[in-house]
PDB file of all heavy atoms in Angstrom:
ATOM      1  N   GLY A   1      -0.549 -29.442  14.207  1.00  0.00           N
ATOM      2  CA  GLY A   1       0.012 -29.525  15.550  1.00  0.00           C
ATOM      3  C   GLY A   1      -1.063 -29.677  16.598  1.00  0.00           C
ATOM      4  O   GLY A   1      -1.122 -28.893  17.551  1.00  0.00           O
ATOM      5  N   GLY A   2      -1.961 -30.643  16.462  1.00  0.00           N
ATOM      6  CA  GLY A   2      -2.995 -30.892  17.452  1.00  0.00           C
ATOM      7  C   GLY A   2      -4.212 -30.004  17.251  1.00  0.00           C
ATOM      8  O   GLY A   2      -4.345 -29.284  16.263  1.00  0.00           O
ATOM      9  N   PRO A   3      -5.140 -30.030  18.226  1.00  0.00           N
ATOM     10  CA  PRO A   3      -6.370 -29.233  18.107  1.00  0.00           C
ATOM     11  C   PRO A   3      -6.123 -27.736  17.947  1.00  0.00           C
ATOM     12  O   PRO A   3      -6.866 -27.053  17.241  1.00  0.00           O
ATOM     13  CB  PRO A   3      -7.112 -29.545  19.414  1.00  0.00           C
ATOM     14  CG  PRO A   3      -6.568 -30.865  19.858  1.00  0.00           C
ATOM     15  CD  PRO A   3      -5.135 -30.877  19.430  1.00  0.00           C
ATOM     16  N   GLU A   4      -5.077 -27.187  18.617  1.00  0.00           N
ATOM     17  CA  GLU A   4      -4.792 -25.755  18.494  1.00  0.00           C
ATOM     18  C   GLU A   4      -4.421 -25.392  17.063  1.00  0.00           C
ATOM     19  O   GLU A   4      -4.859 -24.370  16.532  1.00  0.00           O
ATOM     20  CB  GLU A   4      -3.674 -25.362  19.465  1.00  0.00           C
ATOM     21  CG  GLU A   4      -4.082 -25.380  20.917  1.00  0.00           C
ATOM     22  CD  GLU A   4      -5.193 -24.377  21.212  1.00  0.00           C
ATOM     23  OE1 GLU A   4      -5.224 -23.312  20.563  1.00  0.00           O
ATOM     24  OE2 GLU A   4      -6.042 -24.681  22.064  1.00  0.00           O
ATOM     25  N   GLY A   5      -3.616 -26.217  16.431  1.00  0.00           N
ATOM     26  CA  GLY A   5      -3.268 -25.969  15.038  1.00  0.00           C
ATOM     27  C   GLY A   5      -4.478 -26.067  14.135  1.00  0.00           C
ATOM     28  O   GLY A   5      -4.622 -25.287  13.177  1.00  0.00           O
ATOM     29  N   ARG A   6      -5.352 -27.002  14.431  1.00  0.00           N
ATOM     30  CA  ARG A   6      -6.575 -27.148  13.644  1.00  0.00           C
ATOM     31  C   ARG A   6      -7.438 -25.896  13.743  1.00  0.00           C
ATOM     32  O   ARG A   6      -7.963 -25.387  12.737  1.00  0.00           O
ATOM     33  CB  ARG A   6      -7.335 -28.373  14.161  1.00  0.00           C
ATOM     34  CG  ARG A   6      -8.479 -28.855  13.299  1.00  0.00           C
ATOM     35  CD  ARG A   6      -8.919 -30.213  13.837  1.00  0.00           C
ATOM     36  NE  ARG A   6      -9.941 -30.816  13.013  1.00  0.00           N
ATOM     37  CZ  ARG A   6     -11.237 -30.663  13.207  1.00  0.00           C
ATOM     38  NH1 ARG A   6     -11.647 -29.904  14.199  1.00  0.00           N
ATOM     39  NH2 ARG A   6     -12.110 -31.268  12.426  1.00  0.00           N
ATOM     40  N   ARG A   7      -7.616 -25.372  14.959  1.00  0.00           N
ATOM     41  CA  ARG A   7      -8.420 -24.164  15.147  1.00  0.00           C
ATOM     42  C   ARG A   7      -7.777 -22.955  14.485  1.00  0.00           C
ATOM     43  O   ARG A   7      -8.469 -22.103  13.919  1.00  0.00           O
ATOM     44  CB  ARG A   7      -8.643 -23.904  16.641  1.00  0.00           C
ATOM     45  CG  ARG A   7      -9.740 -24.769  17.245  1.00  0.00           C
ATOM     46  CD  ARG A   7     -10.147 -24.266  18.622  1.00  0.00           C
ATOM     47  NE  ARG A   7      -9.124 -24.578  19.607  1.00  0.00           N
ATOM     48  CZ  ARG A   7      -9.105 -25.706  20.319  1.00  0.00           C
ATOM     49  NH1 ARG A   7     -10.048 -26.624  20.139  1.00  0.00           N
ATOM     50  NH2 ARG A   7      -8.165 -25.927  21.204  1.00  0.00           N
ATOM     51  N   SER A   8      -6.455 -22.853  14.529  1.00  0.00           N
ATOM     52  CA  SER A   8      -5.774 -21.719  13.896  1.00  0.00           C
ATOM     53  C   SER A   8      -5.952 -21.740  12.377  1.00  0.00           C
ATOM     54  O   SER A   8      -6.161 -20.699  11.752  1.00  0.00           O
ATOM     55  CB  SER A   8      -4.289 -21.727  14.264  1.00  0.00           C
ATOM     56  OG  SER A   8      -4.095 -21.506  15.641  1.00  0.00           O
ATOM     57  N   VAL A   9      -5.873 -22.938  11.795  1.00  0.00           N
ATOM     58  CA  VAL A   9      -6.069 -23.045  10.343  1.00  0.00           C
ATOM     59  C   VAL A   9      -7.494 -22.648   9.968  1.00  0.00           C
ATOM     60  O   VAL A   9      -7.723 -21.909   8.989  1.00  0.00           O
ATOM     61  CB  VAL A   9      -5.748 -24.477   9.863  1.00  0.00           C
ATOM     62  CG1 VAL A   9      -6.166 -24.657   8.407  1.00  0.00           C
ATOM     63  CG2 VAL A   9      -4.260 -24.768  10.027  1.00  0.00           C
ATOM     64  N   LEU A  10      -8.497 -23.098  10.745  1.00  0.00           N
ATOM     65  CA  LEU A  10      -9.886 -22.746  10.450  1.00  0.00           C
ATOM     66  C   LEU A  10     -10.134 -21.250  10.635  1.00  0.00           C
ATOM     67  O   LEU A  10     -10.891 -20.633   9.868  1.00  0.00           O
ATOM     68  CB  LEU A  10     -10.821 -23.546  11.355  1.00  0.00           C
ATOM     69  CG  LEU A  10     -10.920 -25.048  11.056  1.00  0.00           C
ATOM     70  CD1 LEU A  10     -11.772 -25.744  12.105  1.00  0.00           C
ATOM     71  CD2 LEU A  10     -11.486 -25.296   9.666  1.00  0.00           C
ATOM     72  N   LYS A  11      -9.478 -20.657  11.630  1.00  0.00           N
ATOM     73  CA  LYS A  11      -9.639 -19.219  11.846  1.00  0.00           C
ATOM     74  C   LYS A  11      -9.018 -18.428  10.701  1.00  0.00           C
ATOM     75  O   LYS A  11      -9.591 -17.431  10.237  1.00  0.00           O
ATOM     76  CB  LYS A  11      -8.997 -18.826  13.179  1.00  0.00           C
ATOM     77  CG  LYS A  11      -9.208 -17.368  13.548  1.00  0.00           C
ATOM     78  CD  LYS A  11      -8.606 -17.057  14.904  1.00  0.00           C
ATOM     79  CE  LYS A  11      -8.791 -15.588  15.248  1.00  0.00           C
ATOM     80  NZ  LYS A  11      -8.165 -15.254  16.556  1.00  0.00           N
ATOM     81  N   LEU A  12      -7.878 -18.848  10.220  1.00  0.00           N
ATOM     82  CA  LEU A  12      -7.249 -18.175   9.085  1.00  0.00           C
ATOM     83  C   LEU A  12      -8.117 -18.313   7.831  1.00  0.00           C
ATOM     84  O   LEU A  12      -8.269 -17.359   7.051  1.00  0.00           O
ATOM     85  CB  LEU A  12      -5.855 -18.758   8.834  1.00  0.00           C
ATOM     86  CG  LEU A  12      -5.059 -18.143   7.676  1.00  0.00           C
ATOM     87  CD1 LEU A  12      -4.796 -16.663   7.935  1.00  0.00           C
ATOM     88  CD2 LEU A  12      -3.747 -18.895   7.466  1.00  0.00           C
ATOM     89  N   ALA A  13      -8.709 -19.488   7.636  1.00  0.00           N
ATOM     90  CA  ALA A  13      -9.586 -19.689   6.483  1.00  0.00           C
ATOM     91  C   ALA A  13     -10.830 -18.812   6.578  1.00  0.00           C
ATOM     92  O   ALA A  13     -11.308 -18.283   5.567  1.00  0.00           O
ATOM     93  CB  ALA A  13      -9.976 -21.158   6.384  1.00  0.00           C
ATOM     94  N   GLU A  14     -11.346 -18.637   7.779  1.00  0.00           N
ATOM     95  CA  GLU A  14     -12.514 -17.773   7.947  1.00  0.00           C
ATOM     96  C   GLU A  14     -12.182 -16.331   7.567  1.00  0.00           C
ATOM     97  O   GLU A  14     -12.953 -15.669   6.867  1.00  0.00           O
ATOM     98  CB  GLU A  14     -13.006 -17.827   9.389  1.00  0.00           C
ATOM     99  CG  GLU A  14     -14.218 -16.932   9.644  1.00  0.00           C
ATOM    100  CD  GLU A  14     -14.530 -16.809  11.118  1.00  0.00           C
ATOM    101  OE1 GLU A  14     -13.589 -16.653  11.911  1.00  0.00           O
ATOM    102  OE2 GLU A  14     -15.710 -16.856  11.466  1.00  0.00           O
ATOM    103  N   ARG A  15     -11.040 -15.838   8.028  1.00  0.00           N
ATOM    104  CA  ARG A  15     -10.642 -14.468   7.666  1.00  0.00           C
ATOM    105  C   ARG A  15     -10.424 -14.339   6.172  1.00  0.00           C
ATOM    106  O   ARG A  15     -10.708 -13.295   5.573  1.00  0.00           O
ATOM    107  CB  ARG A  15      -9.367 -14.085   8.435  1.00  0.00           C
ATOM    108  CG  ARG A  15      -8.947 -12.643   8.212  1.00  0.00           C
ATOM    109  CD  ARG A  15      -7.949 -12.200   9.263  1.00  0.00           C
ATOM    110  NE  ARG A  15      -6.704 -12.920   9.195  1.00  0.00           N
ATOM    111  CZ  ARG A  15      -5.695 -12.599   8.362  1.00  0.00           C
ATOM    112  NH1 ARG A  15      -5.821 -11.581   7.528  1.00  0.00           N
ATOM    113  NH2 ARG A  15      -4.576 -13.286   8.379  1.00  0.00           N
ATOM    114  N   MET A  16      -9.943 -15.387   5.537  1.00  0.00           N
ATOM    115  CA  MET A  16      -9.742 -15.377   4.093  1.00  0.00           C
ATOM    116  C   MET A  16     -11.074 -15.218   3.354  1.00  0.00           C
ATOM    117  O   MET A  16     -11.189 -14.428   2.411  1.00  0.00           O
ATOM    118  CB  MET A  16      -9.041 -16.661   3.660  1.00  0.00           C
ATOM    119  CG  MET A  16      -8.874 -16.823   2.166  1.00  0.00           C
ATOM    120  SD  MET A  16      -8.103 -18.405   1.726  1.00  0.00           S
ATOM    121  CE  MET A  16      -9.384 -19.572   2.252  1.00  0.00           C
ATOM    122  N   VAL A  17     -12.112 -15.939   3.792  1.00  0.00           N
ATOM    123  CA  VAL A  17     -13.421 -15.855   3.146  1.00  0.00           C
ATOM    124  C   VAL A  17     -14.033 -14.474   3.350  1.00  0.00           C
ATOM    125  O   VAL A  17     -14.631 -13.897   2.425  1.00  0.00           O
ATOM    126  CB  VAL A  17     -14.346 -16.957   3.693  1.00  0.00           C
ATOM    127  CG1 VAL A  17     -15.764 -16.794   3.149  1.00  0.00           C
ATOM    128  CG2 VAL A  17     -13.807 -18.331   3.326  1.00  0.00           C
ATOM    129  N   ILE A  18     -13.898 -13.913   4.541  1.00  0.00           N
ATOM    130  CA  ILE A  18     -14.424 -12.573   4.807  1.00  0.00           C
ATOM    131  C   ILE A  18     -13.750 -11.552   3.903  1.00  0.00           C
ATOM    132  O   ILE A  18     -14.402 -10.670   3.324  1.00  0.00           O
ATOM    133  CB  ILE A  18     -14.233 -12.211   6.289  1.00  0.00           C
ATOM    134  CG1 ILE A  18     -15.106 -13.101   7.167  1.00  0.00           C
ATOM    135  CG2 ILE A  18     -14.568 -10.748   6.537  1.00  0.00           C
ATOM    136  CD1 ILE A  18     -14.892 -12.916   8.652  1.00  0.00           C
ATOM    137  N   SER A  19     -12.442 -11.656   3.753  1.00  0.00           N
ATOM    138  CA  SER A  19     -11.711 -10.731   2.891  1.00  0.00           C
ATOM    139  C   SER A  19     -12.127 -10.894   1.433  1.00  0.00           C
ATOM    140  O   SER A  19     -12.220  -9.916   0.689  1.00  0.00           O
ATOM    141  CB  SER A  19     -10.205 -10.961   3.048  1.00  0.00           C
ATOM    142  OG  SER A  19      -9.469 -10.099   2.216  1.00  0.00           O
ATOM    143  N   TYR A  20     -12.383 -12.132   1.020  1.00  0.00           N
ATOM    144  CA  TYR A  20     -12.833 -12.361  -0.356  1.00  0.00           C
ATOM    145  C   TYR A  20     -14.177 -11.666  -0.610  1.00  0.00           C
ATOM    146  O   TYR A  20     -14.351 -10.978  -1.626  1.00  0.00           O
ATOM    147  CB  TYR A  20     -12.963 -13.856  -0.624  1.00  0.00           C
ATOM    148  CG  TYR A  20     -13.686 -14.179  -1.912  1.00  0.00           C
ATOM    149  CD1 TYR A  20     -13.014 -14.153  -3.130  1.00  0.00           C
ATOM    150  CD2 TYR A  20     -15.043 -14.501  -1.906  1.00  0.00           C
ATOM    151  CE1 TYR A  20     -13.684 -14.440  -4.313  1.00  0.00           C
ATOM    152  CE2 TYR A  20     -15.709 -14.792  -3.080  1.00  0.00           C
ATOM    153  CZ  TYR A  20     -15.032 -14.763  -4.283  1.00  0.00           C
ATOM    154  OH  TYR A  20     -15.698 -15.031  -5.460  1.00  0.00           O
ATOM    155  N   CYS A  21     -15.118 -11.836   0.311  1.00  0.00           N
ATOM    156  CA  CYS A  21     -16.436 -11.215   0.136  1.00  0.00           C
ATOM    157  C   CYS A  21     -16.335  -9.699   0.101  1.00  0.00           C
ATOM    158  O   CYS A  21     -17.079  -9.033  -0.639  1.00  0.00           O
ATOM    159  CB  CYS A  21     -17.372 -11.657   1.262  1.00  0.00           C
ATOM    160  SG  CYS A  21     -17.807 -13.414   1.222  1.00  0.00           S
ATOM    161  N   SER A  22     -15.411  -9.133   0.885  1.00  0.00           N
ATOM    162  CA  SER A  22     -15.261  -7.679   0.880  1.00  0.00           C
ATOM    163  C   SER A  22     -14.742  -7.164  -0.453  1.00  0.00           C
ATOM    164  O   SER A  22     -14.997  -6.028  -0.829  1.00  0.00           O
ATOM    165  CB  SER A  22     -14.318  -7.245   2.007  1.00  0.00           C
ATOM    166  OG  SER A  22     -12.974  -7.600   1.699  1.00  0.00           O
ATOM    167  N   GLY A  23     -14.009  -7.996  -1.181  1.00  0.00           N
ATOM    168  CA  GLY A  23     -13.507  -7.571  -2.483  1.00  0.00           C
ATOM    169  C   GLY A  23     -14.521  -7.725  -3.590  1.00  0.00           C
ATOM    170  O   GLY A  23     -14.443  -7.039  -4.614  1.00  0.00           O
ATOM    171  N   VAL A  24     -15.498  -8.621  -3.406  1.00  0.00           N
ATOM    172  CA  VAL A  24     -16.509  -8.819  -4.447  1.00  0.00           C
ATOM    173  C   VAL A  24     -17.470  -7.641  -4.489  1.00  0.00           C
ATOM    174  O   VAL A  24     -17.824  -7.146  -5.562  1.00  0.00           O
ATOM    175  CB  VAL A  24     -17.272 -10.139  -4.197  1.00  0.00           C
ATOM    176  CG1 VAL A  24     -18.436 -10.274  -5.159  1.00  0.00           C
ATOM    177  CG2 VAL A  24     -16.327 -11.318  -4.357  1.00  0.00           C
ATOM    178  N   SER A  25     -17.921  -7.171  -3.337  1.00  0.00           N
ATOM    179  CA  SER A  25     -18.863  -6.037  -3.292  1.00  0.00           C
ATOM    180  C   SER A  25     -18.275  -4.954  -2.409  1.00  0.00           C
ATOM    181  O   SER A  25     -18.142  -5.126  -1.197  1.00  0.00           O
ATOM    182  CB  SER A  25     -20.219  -6.491  -2.733  1.00  0.00           C
ATOM    183  OG  SER A  25     -20.058  -7.101  -1.482  1.00  0.00           O
ATOM    184  N   ALA A  26     -17.870  -3.854  -3.021  1.00  0.00           N
ATOM    185  CA  ALA A  26     -17.260  -2.752  -2.275  1.00  0.00           C
ATOM    186  C   ALA A  26     -18.311  -2.060  -1.426  1.00  0.00           C
ATOM    187  O   ALA A  26     -19.399  -1.732  -1.890  1.00  0.00           O
ATOM    188  CB  ALA A  26     -16.626  -1.754  -3.242  1.00  0.00           C
ATOM    189  N   THR A  27     -18.000  -1.820  -0.152  1.00  0.00           N
ATOM    190  CA  THR A  27     -18.928  -1.184   0.771  1.00  0.00           C
ATOM    191  C   THR A  27     -18.223  -0.050   1.490  1.00  0.00           C
ATOM    192  O   THR A  27     -17.031   0.191   1.308  1.00  0.00           O
ATOM    193  CB  THR A  27     -19.445  -2.202   1.796  1.00  0.00           C
ATOM    194  OG1 THR A  27     -18.355  -2.641   2.608  1.00  0.00           O
ATOM    195  CG2 THR A  27     -20.075  -3.407   1.114  1.00  0.00           C
ATOM    196  N   ALA A  28     -18.998   0.626   2.351  1.00  0.00           N
ATOM    197  CA  ALA A  28     -18.438   1.767   3.073  1.00  0.00           C
ATOM    198  C   ALA A  28     -17.308   1.358   4.001  1.00  0.00           C
ATOM    199  O   ALA A  28     -16.395   2.137   4.268  1.00  0.00           O
ATOM    200  CB  ALA A  28     -19.548   2.459   3.878  1.00  0.00           C
ATOM    201  N   ALA A  29     -17.325   0.132   4.497  1.00  0.00           N
ATOM    202  CA  ALA A  29     -16.310  -0.298   5.457  1.00  0.00           C
ATOM    203  C   ALA A  29     -15.028  -0.760   4.798  1.00  0.00           C
ATOM    204  O   ALA A  29     -13.997  -0.836   5.439  1.00  0.00           O
ATOM    205  CB  ALA A  29     -16.865  -1.427   6.323  1.00  0.00           C
ATOM    206  N   HIS A  30     -15.077  -1.085   3.510  1.00  0.00           N
ATOM    207  CA  HIS A  30     -13.920  -1.713   2.881  1.00  0.00           C
ATOM    208  C   HIS A  30     -13.083  -0.754   2.039  1.00  0.00           C
ATOM    209  O   HIS A  30     -11.965  -1.057   1.673  1.00  0.00           O
ATOM    210  CB  HIS A  30     -14.381  -2.891   2.019  1.00  0.00           C
ATOM    211  CG  HIS A  30     -15.141  -3.908   2.815  1.00  0.00           C
ATOM    212  ND1 HIS A  30     -16.306  -4.473   2.371  1.00  0.00           N
ATOM    213  CD2 HIS A  30     -14.911  -4.429   4.049  1.00  0.00           C
ATOM    214  CE1 HIS A  30     -16.762  -5.319   3.283  1.00  0.00           C
ATOM    215  NE2 HIS A  30     -15.933  -5.308   4.310  1.00  0.00           N
ATOM    216  N   GLN A  31     -13.637   0.400   1.703  1.00  0.00           N
ATOM    217  CA  GLN A  31     -12.872   1.502   1.130  1.00  0.00           C
ATOM    218  C   GLN A  31     -12.095   1.103  -0.123  1.00  0.00           C
ATOM    219  O   GLN A  31     -10.937   1.448  -0.280  1.00  0.00           O
ATOM    220  CB  GLN A  31     -11.923   2.092   2.182  1.00  0.00           C
ATOM    221  CG  GLN A  31     -12.662   2.649   3.397  1.00  0.00           C
ATOM    222  CD  GLN A  31     -11.731   3.198   4.445  1.00  0.00           C
ATOM    223  OE1 GLN A  31     -10.544   2.881   4.459  1.00  0.00           O
ATOM    224  NE2 GLN A  31     -12.240   4.007   5.332  1.00  0.00           N
ATOM    225  N   TRP A  32     -12.748   0.383  -1.020  1.00  0.00           N
ATOM    226  CA  TRP A  32     -12.160   0.147  -2.332  1.00  0.00           C
ATOM    227  C   TRP A  32     -12.469   1.336  -3.230  1.00  0.00           C
ATOM    228  O   TRP A  32     -13.481   2.005  -3.087  1.00  0.00           O
ATOM    229  CB  TRP A  32     -12.735  -1.114  -2.962  1.00  0.00           C
ATOM    230  CG  TRP A  32     -12.285  -2.398  -2.339  1.00  0.00           C
ATOM    231  CD1 TRP A  32     -12.910  -3.075  -1.347  1.00  0.00           C
ATOM    232  CD2 TRP A  32     -11.121  -3.161  -2.671  1.00  0.00           C
ATOM    233  NE1 TRP A  32     -12.217  -4.224  -1.028  1.00  0.00           N
ATOM    234  CE2 TRP A  32     -11.113  -4.301  -1.838  1.00  0.00           C
ATOM    235  CE3 TRP A  32     -10.088  -3.004  -3.599  1.00  0.00           C
ATOM    236  CZ2 TRP A  32     -10.123  -5.270  -1.892  1.00  0.00           C
ATOM    237  CZ3 TRP A  32      -9.103  -3.973  -3.655  1.00  0.00           C
ATOM    238  CH2 TRP A  32      -9.112  -5.089  -2.808  1.00  0.00           C
ATOM    239  N   THR A  33     -11.585   1.578  -4.189  1.00  0.00           N
ATOM    240  CA  THR A  33     -11.803   2.618  -5.191  1.00  0.00           C
ATOM    241  C   THR A  33     -12.036   1.954  -6.539  1.00  0.00           C
ATOM    242  O   THR A  33     -11.176   1.209  -7.020  1.00  0.00           O
ATOM    243  CB  THR A  33     -10.600   3.572  -5.282  1.00  0.00           C
ATOM    244  OG1 THR A  33     -10.385   4.174  -3.998  1.00  0.00           O
ATOM    245  CG2 THR A  33     -10.851   4.652  -6.318  1.00  0.00           C
TER     246      THR A  33
END
């Protein structure tokens, strides 16, 4: 849906990558058991 839709998709993808990295190495901020 235009440039705004493009930016929203890229922002969602960025959050997805951050969440993936948090699951690979458990840290104090991510509170995995």
